N, C-alpha and C. Protein backbone atom coordinates (compact mmCIF):
# COMPACT_ATOMS: atom_id res chain seq x y z
N UNK A 1 0.84 -1.17 0.00
CA UNK A 1 0.00 0.00 0.00
C UNK A 1 0.90 1.24 0.00
N UNK A 2 0.65 2.12 -0.92
CA UNK A 2 1.44 3.34 -1.05
C UNK A 2 0.66 4.49 -0.44
N UNK A 3 1.31 5.21 0.46
CA UNK A 3 0.69 6.39 1.09
C UNK A 3 1.49 7.62 0.71
N UNK A 4 0.79 8.64 0.35
CA UNK A 4 1.50 9.88 0.04
C UNK A 4 1.66 10.68 1.34
N UNK A 5 2.71 11.47 1.37
CA UNK A 5 2.94 12.29 2.55
C UNK A 5 2.11 13.57 2.45
N UNK A 6 1.79 14.13 3.60
CA UNK A 6 1.08 15.41 3.63
C UNK A 6 2.14 16.51 3.60
N UNK A 7 2.30 17.09 2.45
CA UNK A 7 3.39 18.05 2.21
C UNK A 7 3.34 19.26 3.14
N UNK A 8 2.15 19.76 3.46
CA UNK A 8 2.04 20.93 4.34
C UNK A 8 2.45 20.61 5.77
N UNK A 9 2.46 19.36 6.13
CA UNK A 9 2.90 18.95 7.46
C UNK A 9 4.36 18.54 7.44
N UNK A 10 4.75 17.80 6.42
CA UNK A 10 6.10 17.23 6.38
C UNK A 10 7.19 18.28 6.14
N UNK A 11 7.06 19.08 5.09
CA UNK A 11 8.16 19.95 4.69
C UNK A 11 8.53 21.04 5.70
N UNK A 12 7.59 21.77 6.29
CA UNK A 12 8.00 22.76 7.29
C UNK A 12 8.72 22.12 8.48
N UNK A 13 8.21 20.99 8.94
CA UNK A 13 8.83 20.30 10.05
C UNK A 13 10.22 19.80 9.68
N UNK A 14 10.35 19.23 8.50
CA UNK A 14 11.63 18.74 8.03
C UNK A 14 12.65 19.87 7.90
N UNK A 15 12.21 21.02 7.39
CA UNK A 15 13.12 22.14 7.23
C UNK A 15 13.57 22.72 8.57
N UNK A 16 12.68 22.75 9.55
CA UNK A 16 13.05 23.20 10.90
C UNK A 16 14.08 22.24 11.49
N UNK A 17 13.87 20.94 11.30
CA UNK A 17 14.83 19.95 11.79
C UNK A 17 16.19 20.11 11.14
N UNK A 18 16.22 20.28 9.84
CA UNK A 18 17.49 20.46 9.12
C UNK A 18 18.18 21.75 9.57
N UNK A 19 17.41 22.82 9.76
CA UNK A 19 17.99 24.09 10.23
C UNK A 19 18.59 23.92 11.62
N UNK A 20 17.92 23.17 12.49
CA UNK A 20 18.44 22.94 13.84
C UNK A 20 19.72 22.12 13.79
N UNK A 21 19.76 21.12 12.95
CA UNK A 21 20.98 20.31 12.82
C UNK A 21 22.13 21.15 12.30
N UNK A 22 21.88 21.95 11.28
CA UNK A 22 22.94 22.79 10.71
C UNK A 22 23.41 23.82 11.74
N UNK A 23 22.47 24.44 12.45
CA UNK A 23 22.85 25.43 13.47
C UNK A 23 23.68 24.80 14.57
N UNK A 24 23.32 23.59 14.98
CA UNK A 24 24.09 22.94 16.04
C UNK A 24 25.48 22.52 15.55
N UNK A 25 25.59 22.18 14.30
CA UNK A 25 26.91 21.82 13.76
C UNK A 25 27.80 23.05 13.57
N UNK A 26 27.19 24.18 13.24
CA UNK A 26 27.97 25.39 12.99
C UNK A 26 28.47 26.01 14.29
N UNK A 27 27.61 26.12 15.30
CA UNK A 27 28.00 26.75 16.56
C UNK A 27 27.17 26.14 17.69
N UNK A 28 27.69 25.11 18.29
CA UNK A 28 26.95 24.36 19.30
C UNK A 28 26.62 25.21 20.52
N UNK A 29 27.55 26.02 20.98
CA UNK A 29 27.31 26.84 22.17
C UNK A 29 26.18 27.84 21.95
N UNK A 30 26.16 28.50 20.80
CA UNK A 30 25.09 29.45 20.50
C UNK A 30 23.75 28.73 20.35
N UNK A 31 23.78 27.56 19.72
CA UNK A 31 22.56 26.78 19.56
C UNK A 31 21.99 26.35 20.91
N UNK A 32 22.87 25.88 21.80
CA UNK A 32 22.42 25.48 23.13
C UNK A 32 21.90 26.68 23.92
N UNK A 33 22.56 27.82 23.78
CA UNK A 33 22.09 29.02 24.45
C UNK A 33 20.71 29.45 23.97
N UNK A 34 20.51 29.41 22.66
CA UNK A 34 19.22 29.81 22.09
C UNK A 34 18.11 28.84 22.48
N UNK A 35 18.39 27.54 22.42
CA UNK A 35 17.35 26.58 22.78
C UNK A 35 17.05 26.59 24.27
N UNK A 36 18.06 26.85 25.09
CA UNK A 36 17.84 26.96 26.53
C UNK A 36 16.99 28.19 26.84
N UNK A 37 17.29 29.30 26.18
CA UNK A 37 16.51 30.52 26.39
C UNK A 37 15.06 30.33 25.93
N UNK A 38 14.86 29.66 24.81
CA UNK A 38 13.52 29.39 24.32
C UNK A 38 12.76 28.47 25.27
N UNK A 39 13.42 27.46 25.77
CA UNK A 39 12.80 26.55 26.74
C UNK A 39 12.41 27.29 28.01
N UNK A 40 13.27 28.14 28.50
CA UNK A 40 12.98 28.93 29.70
C UNK A 40 11.80 29.86 29.46
N UNK A 41 11.77 30.51 28.31
CA UNK A 41 10.66 31.40 27.95
C UNK A 41 9.33 30.65 27.93
N UNK A 42 9.32 29.49 27.32
CA UNK A 42 8.09 28.69 27.24
C UNK A 42 7.65 28.25 28.63
N UNK A 43 8.57 27.77 29.44
CA UNK A 43 8.20 27.31 30.78
C UNK A 43 7.77 28.46 31.68
N UNK A 44 8.42 29.61 31.56
CA UNK A 44 8.02 30.77 32.37
C UNK A 44 6.61 31.25 32.04
N UNK A 45 6.23 31.16 30.77
CA UNK A 45 4.94 31.69 30.35
C UNK A 45 3.82 30.65 30.32
N UNK A 46 4.16 29.38 30.18
CA UNK A 46 3.13 28.37 30.01
C UNK A 46 3.19 27.22 31.00
N UNK A 47 3.91 27.37 32.08
CA UNK A 47 3.98 26.29 33.08
C UNK A 47 2.61 26.00 33.65
N UNK A 48 1.81 27.04 33.83
CA UNK A 48 0.45 26.85 34.35
C UNK A 48 -0.39 25.99 33.41
N UNK A 49 -0.16 26.13 32.11
CA UNK A 49 -0.93 25.36 31.14
C UNK A 49 -0.51 23.89 31.17
N UNK A 50 0.78 23.63 31.34
CA UNK A 50 1.24 22.25 31.46
C UNK A 50 0.66 21.60 32.70
N UNK A 51 0.64 22.34 33.81
CA UNK A 51 0.06 21.82 35.04
C UNK A 51 -1.43 21.56 34.89
N UNK A 52 -2.12 22.43 34.23
CA UNK A 52 -3.55 22.25 34.00
C UNK A 52 -3.83 21.03 33.13
N UNK A 53 -3.03 20.86 32.10
CA UNK A 53 -3.21 19.71 31.21
C UNK A 53 -2.98 18.39 31.94
N UNK A 54 -1.98 18.35 32.82
CA UNK A 54 -1.71 17.16 33.59
C UNK A 54 -2.83 16.90 34.57
N UNK A 55 -3.37 17.93 35.17
CA UNK A 55 -4.46 17.78 36.12
C UNK A 55 -5.73 17.26 35.45
N UNK A 56 -5.99 17.70 34.25
CA UNK A 56 -7.19 17.27 33.52
C UNK A 56 -7.05 15.83 33.05
N UNK A 57 -5.88 15.50 32.57
CA UNK A 57 -5.68 14.14 32.06
C UNK A 57 -5.47 13.23 33.22
């Protein structure tokens, strides 16, 4: 059985992944700093939402 991929879902995600791999290969320290800052930003602003989702489920 042949299944076609959903291009609107696959390609943006694939390109973000490739960009992350290239960025980490070019400058690992800057990449780690940026991803750590993004993770902190998300947790600072949405920790309540994660807690709510866990409580509901």
